[in-house]
């Protein structure tokens, strides 16, 4: 478990690793992530949204990876 946590922290820290991992190796965990991954992977338009929640906006956030990967 400690290895997974360490690898995740390293991937999230370095943008190049983050981009590479979430473009080529990411496997969606649920239907929302699957939809966002498939639909917005190559989408080049502008996206506007408001996210309301109790998380810190990074860890355990279901859309953070898409915000960062796709430049929302």
PDB file of N, CA and C in Angstrom:
ATOM      1  N   UNK A   1       0.827  -1.199   0.000  1.00  0.00           N
ATOM      2  CA  UNK A   1       0.000   0.000   0.000  1.00  0.00           C
ATOM      3  C   UNK A   1       0.865   1.255   0.000  1.00  0.00           C
ATOM      4  N   UNK A   2       1.952   1.247   0.706  1.00  0.00           N
ATOM      5  CA  UNK A   2       2.827   2.417   0.776  1.00  0.00           C
ATOM      6  C   UNK A   2       3.460   2.711  -0.579  1.00  0.00           C
ATOM      7  N   UNK A   3       3.752   1.674  -1.356  1.00  0.00           N
ATOM      8  CA  UNK A   3       4.339   1.863  -2.689  1.00  0.00           C
ATOM      9  C   UNK A   3       3.333   2.554  -3.607  1.00  0.00           C
ATOM     10  N   UNK A   4       2.076   2.107  -3.582  1.00  0.00           N
ATOM     11  CA  UNK A   4       1.045   2.731  -4.415  1.00  0.00           C
ATOM     12  C   UNK A   4       0.877   4.203  -4.063  1.00  0.00           C
ATOM     13  N   UNK A   5       0.863   4.504  -2.799  1.00  0.00           N
ATOM     14  CA  UNK A   5       0.715   5.882  -2.351  1.00  0.00           C
ATOM     15  C   UNK A   5       1.899   6.728  -2.805  1.00  0.00           C
ATOM     16  N   UNK A   6       3.102   6.196  -2.695  1.00  0.00           N
ATOM     17  CA  UNK A   6       4.302   6.912  -3.137  1.00  0.00           C
ATOM     18  C   UNK A   6       4.266   7.169  -4.634  1.00  0.00           C
ATOM     19  N   UNK A   7       3.921   6.155  -5.418  1.00  0.00           N
ATOM     20  CA  UNK A   7       3.862   6.306  -6.882  1.00  0.00           C
ATOM     21  C   UNK A   7       2.814   7.338  -7.265  1.00  0.00           C
ATOM     22  N   UNK A   8       1.667   7.299  -6.606  1.00  0.00           N
ATOM     23  CA  UNK A   8       0.618   8.274  -6.896  1.00  0.00           C
ATOM     24  C   UNK A   8       1.081   9.694  -6.594  1.00  0.00           C
ATOM     25  N   UNK A   9       1.769   9.895  -5.482  1.00  0.00           N
ATOM     26  CA  UNK A   9       2.274  11.218  -5.133  1.00  0.00           C
ATOM     27  C   UNK A   9       3.285  11.714  -6.155  1.00  0.00           C
ATOM     28  N   UNK A  10       4.144  10.829  -6.636  1.00  0.00           N
ATOM     29  CA  UNK A  10       5.139  11.220  -7.641  1.00  0.00           C
ATOM     30  C   UNK A  10       4.447  11.593  -8.952  1.00  0.00           C
ATOM     31  N   UNK A  11       3.485  10.798  -9.376  1.00  0.00           N
ATOM     32  CA  UNK A  11       2.760  11.087 -10.621  1.00  0.00           C
ATOM     33  C   UNK A  11       2.031  12.425 -10.521  1.00  0.00           C
ATOM     34  N   UNK A  12       1.378  12.694  -9.399  1.00  0.00           N
ATOM     35  CA  UNK A  12       0.635  13.935  -9.244  1.00  0.00           C
ATOM     36  C   UNK A  12       1.563  15.145  -9.121  1.00  0.00           C
ATOM     37  N   UNK A  13       2.784  14.939  -8.657  1.00  0.00           N
ATOM     38  CA  UNK A  13       3.714  16.053  -8.448  1.00  0.00           C
ATOM     39  C   UNK A  13       4.310  16.560  -9.755  1.00  0.00           C
ATOM     40  N   UNK A  14       4.655  15.669 -10.652  1.00  0.00           N
ATOM     41  CA  UNK A  14       5.341  16.043 -11.893  1.00  0.00           C
ATOM     42  C   UNK A  14       4.372  16.025 -13.062  1.00  0.00           C
ATOM     43  N   UNK A  15       4.203  17.178 -13.686  1.00  0.00           N
ATOM     44  CA  UNK A  15       3.206  17.331 -14.733  1.00  0.00           C
ATOM     45  C   UNK A  15       3.450  16.396 -15.917  1.00  0.00           C
ATOM     46  N   UNK A  16       4.682  16.201 -16.314  1.00  0.00           N
ATOM     47  CA  UNK A  16       4.977  15.322 -17.442  1.00  0.00           C
ATOM     48  C   UNK A  16       4.536  13.890 -17.154  1.00  0.00           C
ATOM     49  N   UNK A  17       4.837  13.383 -15.966  1.00  0.00           N
ATOM     50  CA  UNK A  17       4.388  12.042 -15.579  1.00  0.00           C
ATOM     51  C   UNK A  17       2.868  11.974 -15.487  1.00  0.00           C
ATOM     52  N   UNK A  18       2.263  13.022 -14.934  1.00  0.00           N
ATOM     53  CA  UNK A  18       0.804  13.085 -14.806  1.00  0.00           C
ATOM     54  C   UNK A  18       0.145  12.998 -16.179  1.00  0.00           C
ATOM     55  N   UNK A  19       0.601  13.841 -17.102  1.00  0.00           N
ATOM     56  CA  UNK A  19       0.036  13.862 -18.455  1.00  0.00           C
ATOM     57  C   UNK A  19       0.205  12.499 -19.138  1.00  0.00           C
ATOM     58  N   UNK A  20       1.393  11.928 -19.043  1.00  0.00           N
ATOM     59  CA  UNK A  20       1.674  10.641 -19.679  1.00  0.00           C
ATOM     60  C   UNK A  20       0.799   9.536 -19.106  1.00  0.00           C
ATOM     61  N   UNK A  21       0.738   9.444 -17.786  1.00  0.00           N
ATOM     62  CA  UNK A  21      -0.050   8.392 -17.153  1.00  0.00           C
ATOM     63  C   UNK A  21      -1.531   8.503 -17.509  1.00  0.00           C
ATOM     64  N   UNK A  22      -2.104   9.703 -17.375  1.00  0.00           N
ATOM     65  CA  UNK A  22      -3.543   9.834 -17.578  1.00  0.00           C
ATOM     66  C   UNK A  22      -3.957   9.871 -19.045  1.00  0.00           C
ATOM     67  N   UNK A  23      -3.019  10.048 -19.955  1.00  0.00           N
ATOM     68  CA  UNK A  23      -3.359   9.945 -21.380  1.00  0.00           C
ATOM     69  C   UNK A  23      -3.261   8.513 -21.883  1.00  0.00           C
ATOM     70  N   UNK A  24      -2.309   7.728 -21.358  1.00  0.00           N
ATOM     71  CA  UNK A  24      -2.042   6.425 -21.948  1.00  0.00           C
ATOM     72  C   UNK A  24      -2.328   5.216 -21.052  1.00  0.00           C
ATOM     73  N   UNK A  25      -2.350   5.373 -19.743  1.00  0.00           N
ATOM     74  CA  UNK A  25      -2.501   4.225 -18.857  1.00  0.00           C
ATOM     75  C   UNK A  25      -3.716   4.275 -17.941  1.00  0.00           C
ATOM     76  N   UNK A  26      -4.415   5.373 -17.879  1.00  0.00           N
ATOM     77  CA  UNK A  26      -5.535   5.542 -16.956  1.00  0.00           C
ATOM     78  C   UNK A  26      -6.692   4.622 -17.310  1.00  0.00           C
ATOM     79  N   UNK A  27      -7.199   3.926 -16.308  1.00  0.00           N
ATOM     80  CA  UNK A  27      -8.388   3.079 -16.452  1.00  0.00           C
ATOM     81  C   UNK A  27      -9.487   3.659 -15.572  1.00  0.00           C
ATOM     82  N   UNK A  28     -10.599   4.113 -16.167  1.00  0.00           N
ATOM     83  CA  UNK A  28     -11.695   4.702 -15.376  1.00  0.00           C
ATOM     84  C   UNK A  28     -12.243   3.731 -14.343  1.00  0.00           C
ATOM     85  N   UNK A  29     -12.610   4.286 -13.179  1.00  0.00           N
ATOM     86  CA  UNK A  29     -13.120   3.478 -12.077  1.00  0.00           C
ATOM     87  C   UNK A  29     -14.638   3.381 -12.064  1.00  0.00           C
ATOM     88  N   UNK A  30     -15.328   4.331 -12.663  1.00  0.00           N
ATOM     89  CA  UNK A  30     -16.789   4.314 -12.670  1.00  0.00           C
ATOM     90  C   UNK A  30     -17.303   4.902 -13.983  1.00  0.00           C
ATOM     91  N   UNK A  31     -18.619   4.949 -14.151  1.00  0.00           N
ATOM     92  CA  UNK A  31     -19.193   5.397 -15.419  1.00  0.00           C
ATOM     93  C   UNK A  31     -18.958   6.882 -15.684  1.00  0.00           C
ATOM     94  N   UNK A  32     -18.945   7.723 -14.642  1.00  0.00           N
ATOM     95  CA  UNK A  32     -18.665   9.145 -14.844  1.00  0.00           C
ATOM     96  C   UNK A  32     -17.255   9.337 -15.383  1.00  0.00           C
ATOM     97  N   UNK A  33     -16.287   8.677 -14.770  1.00  0.00           N
ATOM     98  CA  UNK A  33     -14.910   8.798 -15.236  1.00  0.00           C
ATOM     99  C   UNK A  33     -14.746   8.218 -16.639  1.00  0.00           C
ATOM    100  N   UNK A  34     -15.446   7.141 -16.929  1.00  0.00           N
ATOM    101  CA  UNK A  34     -15.383   6.539 -18.262  1.00  0.00           C
ATOM    102  C   UNK A  34     -15.932   7.504 -19.311  1.00  0.00           C
ATOM    103  N   UNK A  35     -17.070   8.128 -19.027  1.00  0.00           N
ATOM    104  CA  UNK A  35     -17.654   9.097 -19.948  1.00  0.00           C
ATOM    105  C   UNK A  35     -16.716  10.277 -20.164  1.00  0.00           C
ATOM    106  N   UNK A  36     -16.216  10.871 -19.082  1.00  0.00           N
ATOM    107  CA  UNK A  36     -15.323  12.028 -19.194  1.00  0.00           C
ATOM    108  C   UNK A  36     -14.044  11.668 -19.936  1.00  0.00           C
ATOM    109  N   UNK A  37     -13.507  10.502 -19.656  1.00  0.00           N
ATOM    110  CA  UNK A  37     -12.277  10.063 -20.317  1.00  0.00           C
ATOM    111  C   UNK A  37     -12.476   9.904 -21.820  1.00  0.00           C
ATOM    112  N   UNK A  38     -13.546   9.243 -22.220  1.00  0.00           N
ATOM    113  CA  UNK A  38     -13.790   8.993 -23.643  1.00  0.00           C
ATOM    114  C   UNK A  38     -14.203  10.254 -24.397  1.00  0.00           C
ATOM    115  N   UNK A  39     -15.048  11.072 -23.797  1.00  0.00           N
ATOM    116  CA  UNK A  39     -15.590  12.234 -24.496  1.00  0.00           C
ATOM    117  C   UNK A  39     -14.593  13.383 -24.597  1.00  0.00           C
ATOM    118  N   UNK A  40     -13.867  13.657 -23.519  1.00  0.00           N
ATOM    119  CA  UNK A  40     -13.035  14.852 -23.490  1.00  0.00           C
ATOM    120  C   UNK A  40     -11.558  14.602 -23.782  1.00  0.00           C
ATOM    121  N   UNK A  41     -11.160  13.388 -24.063  1.00  0.00           N
ATOM    122  CA  UNK A  41      -9.745  13.089 -24.327  1.00  0.00           C
ATOM    123  C   UNK A  41      -9.196  13.942 -25.463  1.00  0.00           C
ATOM    124  N   UNK A  42      -9.938  14.091 -26.528  1.00  0.00           N
ATOM    125  CA  UNK A  42      -9.469  14.858 -27.692  1.00  0.00           C
ATOM    126  C   UNK A  42     -10.302  16.103 -27.958  1.00  0.00           C
ATOM    127  N   UNK A  43     -11.118  16.504 -27.010  1.00  0.00           N
ATOM    128  CA  UNK A  43     -11.976  17.679 -27.151  1.00  0.00           C
ATOM    129  C   UNK A  43     -11.129  18.944 -27.038  1.00  0.00           C
ATOM    130  N   UNK A  44     -11.284  19.858 -28.001  1.00  0.00           N
ATOM    131  CA  UNK A  44     -10.449  21.065 -28.023  1.00  0.00           C
ATOM    132  C   UNK A  44     -11.227  22.347 -27.726  1.00  0.00           C
ATOM    133  N   UNK A  45     -12.518  22.251 -27.452  1.00  0.00           N
ATOM    134  CA  UNK A  45     -13.320  23.437 -27.158  1.00  0.00           C
ATOM    135  C   UNK A  45     -13.136  23.919 -25.725  1.00  0.00           C
ATOM    136  N   UNK A  46     -13.788  25.024 -25.405  1.00  0.00           N
ATOM    137  CA  UNK A  46     -13.746  25.565 -24.047  1.00  0.00           C
ATOM    138  C   UNK A  46     -14.758  24.846 -23.159  1.00  0.00           C
ATOM    139  N   UNK A  47     -14.378  24.624 -21.931  1.00  0.00           N
ATOM    140  CA  UNK A  47     -15.265  23.983 -20.971  1.00  0.00           C
ATOM    141  C   UNK A  47     -15.367  24.891 -19.749  1.00  0.00           C
ATOM    142  N   UNK A  48     -16.600  25.149 -19.303  1.00  0.00           N
ATOM    143  CA  UNK A  48     -16.848  25.943 -18.101  1.00  0.00           C
ATOM    144  C   UNK A  48     -17.700  25.102 -17.160  1.00  0.00           C
ATOM    145  N   UNK A  49     -17.328  25.080 -15.898  1.00  0.00           N
ATOM    146  CA  UNK A  49     -18.098  24.315 -14.932  1.00  0.00           C
ATOM    147  C   UNK A  49     -17.873  24.887 -13.541  1.00  0.00           C
ATOM    148  N   UNK A  50     -18.773  24.549 -12.650  1.00  0.00           N
ATOM    149  CA  UNK A  50     -18.639  24.880 -11.237  1.00  0.00           C
ATOM    150  C   UNK A  50     -18.694  23.563 -10.483  1.00  0.00           C
ATOM    151  N   UNK A  51     -17.699  23.329  -9.650  1.00  0.00           N
ATOM    152  CA  UNK A  51     -17.673  22.106  -8.861  1.00  0.00           C
ATOM    153  C   UNK A  51     -17.837  22.470  -7.391  1.00  0.00           C
ATOM    154  N   UNK A  52     -18.837  21.875  -6.781  1.00  0.00           N
ATOM    155  CA  UNK A  52     -19.116  22.130  -5.379  1.00  0.00           C
ATOM    156  C   UNK A  52     -18.966  20.812  -4.631  1.00  0.00           C
ATOM    157  N   UNK A  53     -18.166  20.819  -3.575  1.00  0.00           N
ATOM    158  CA  UNK A  53     -17.975  19.586  -2.826  1.00  0.00           C
ATOM    159  C   UNK A  53     -17.121  19.807  -1.595  1.00  0.00           C
ATOM    160  N   UNK A  54     -16.940  18.744  -0.835  1.00  0.00           N
ATOM    161  CA  UNK A  54     -16.214  18.837   0.428  1.00  0.00           C
ATOM    162  C   UNK A  54     -14.765  18.371   0.318  1.00  0.00           C
ATOM    163  N   UNK A  55     -14.353  17.863  -0.833  1.00  0.00           N
ATOM    164  CA  UNK A  55     -12.976  17.398  -0.987  1.00  0.00           C
ATOM    165  C   UNK A  55     -12.032  18.578  -1.151  1.00  0.00           C
ATOM    166  N   UNK A  56     -10.748  18.299  -1.129  1.00  0.00           N
ATOM    167  CA  UNK A  56      -9.750  19.364  -1.270  1.00  0.00           C
ATOM    168  C   UNK A  56      -9.524  19.763  -2.722  1.00  0.00           C
ATOM    169  N   UNK A  57     -10.204  19.130  -3.661  1.00  0.00           N
ATOM    170  CA  UNK A  57     -10.078  19.484  -5.065  1.00  0.00           C
ATOM    171  C   UNK A  57      -8.971  18.741  -5.778  1.00  0.00           C
ATOM    172  N   UNK A  58      -8.299  17.838  -5.104  1.00  0.00           N
ATOM    173  CA  UNK A  58      -7.228  17.081  -5.744  1.00  0.00           C
ATOM    174  C   UNK A  58      -7.329  15.603  -5.391  1.00  0.00           C
ATOM    175  N   UNK A  59      -7.074  15.241  -4.147  1.00  0.00           N
ATOM    176  CA  UNK A  59      -7.116  13.834  -3.760  1.00  0.00           C
ATOM    177  C   UNK A  59      -8.557  13.358  -3.652  1.00  0.00           C
ATOM    178  N   UNK A  60      -8.829  12.206  -4.197  1.00  0.00           N
ATOM    179  CA  UNK A  60     -10.153  11.576  -4.208  1.00  0.00           C
ATOM    180  C   UNK A  60     -11.209  12.418  -4.919  1.00  0.00           C
ATOM    181  N   UNK A  61     -10.784  13.304  -5.780  1.00  0.00           N
ATOM    182  CA  UNK A  61     -11.709  14.100  -6.586  1.00  0.00           C
ATOM    183  C   UNK A  61     -11.894  13.380  -7.913  1.00  0.00           C
ATOM    184  N   UNK A  62     -13.129  13.078  -8.268  1.00  0.00           N
ATOM    185  CA  UNK A  62     -13.377  12.265  -9.460  1.00  0.00           C
ATOM    186  C   UNK A  62     -13.089  12.976 -10.775  1.00  0.00           C
ATOM    187  N   UNK A  63     -13.007  14.309 -10.796  1.00  0.00           N
ATOM    188  CA  UNK A  63     -12.746  14.981 -12.073  1.00  0.00           C
ATOM    189  C   UNK A  63     -11.442  15.764 -12.107  1.00  0.00           C
ATOM    190  N   UNK A  64     -10.674  15.776 -11.010  1.00  0.00           N
ATOM    191  CA  UNK A  64      -9.413  16.532 -10.977  1.00  0.00           C
ATOM    192  C   UNK A  64      -8.466  16.117 -12.096  1.00  0.00           C
ATOM    193  N   UNK A  65      -8.353  14.817 -12.319  1.00  0.00           N
ATOM    194  CA  UNK A  65      -7.424  14.331 -13.346  1.00  0.00           C
ATOM    195  C   UNK A  65      -7.793  14.842 -14.728  1.00  0.00           C
ATOM    196  N   UNK A  66      -9.087  15.036 -14.981  1.00  0.00           N
ATOM    197  CA  UNK A  66      -9.512  15.543 -16.280  1.00  0.00           C
ATOM    198  C   UNK A  66      -9.275  17.040 -16.394  1.00  0.00           C
ATOM    199  N   UNK A  67      -9.474  17.744 -15.290  1.00  0.00           N
ATOM    200  CA  UNK A  67      -9.214  19.183 -15.255  1.00  0.00           C
ATOM    201  C   UNK A  67      -7.746  19.433 -15.574  1.00  0.00           C
ATOM    202  N   UNK A  68      -6.878  18.693 -14.947  1.00  0.00           N
ATOM    203  CA  UNK A  68      -5.445  18.897 -15.133  1.00  0.00           C
ATOM    204  C   UNK A  68      -4.956  18.344 -16.478  1.00  0.00           C
ATOM    205  N   UNK A  69      -5.400  17.148 -16.837  1.00  0.00           N
ATOM    206  CA  UNK A  69      -4.950  16.519 -18.081  1.00  0.00           C
ATOM    207  C   UNK A  69      -5.384  17.283 -19.318  1.00  0.00           C
ATOM    208  N   UNK A  70      -6.638  17.726 -19.325  1.00  0.00           N
ATOM    209  CA  UNK A  70      -7.201  18.343 -20.523  1.00  0.00           C
ATOM    210  C   UNK A  70      -7.188  19.850 -20.496  1.00  0.00           C
ATOM    211  N   UNK A  71      -6.650  20.440 -19.416  1.00  0.00           N
ATOM    212  CA  UNK A  71      -6.512  21.890 -19.345  1.00  0.00           C
ATOM    213  C   UNK A  71      -7.828  22.644 -19.227  1.00  0.00           C
ATOM    214  N   UNK A  72      -8.772  22.107 -18.460  1.00  0.00           N
ATOM    215  CA  UNK A  72     -10.043  22.792 -18.293  1.00  0.00           C
ATOM    216  C   UNK A  72      -9.818  24.024 -17.471  1.00  0.00           C
TER     217      UNK A  72
END
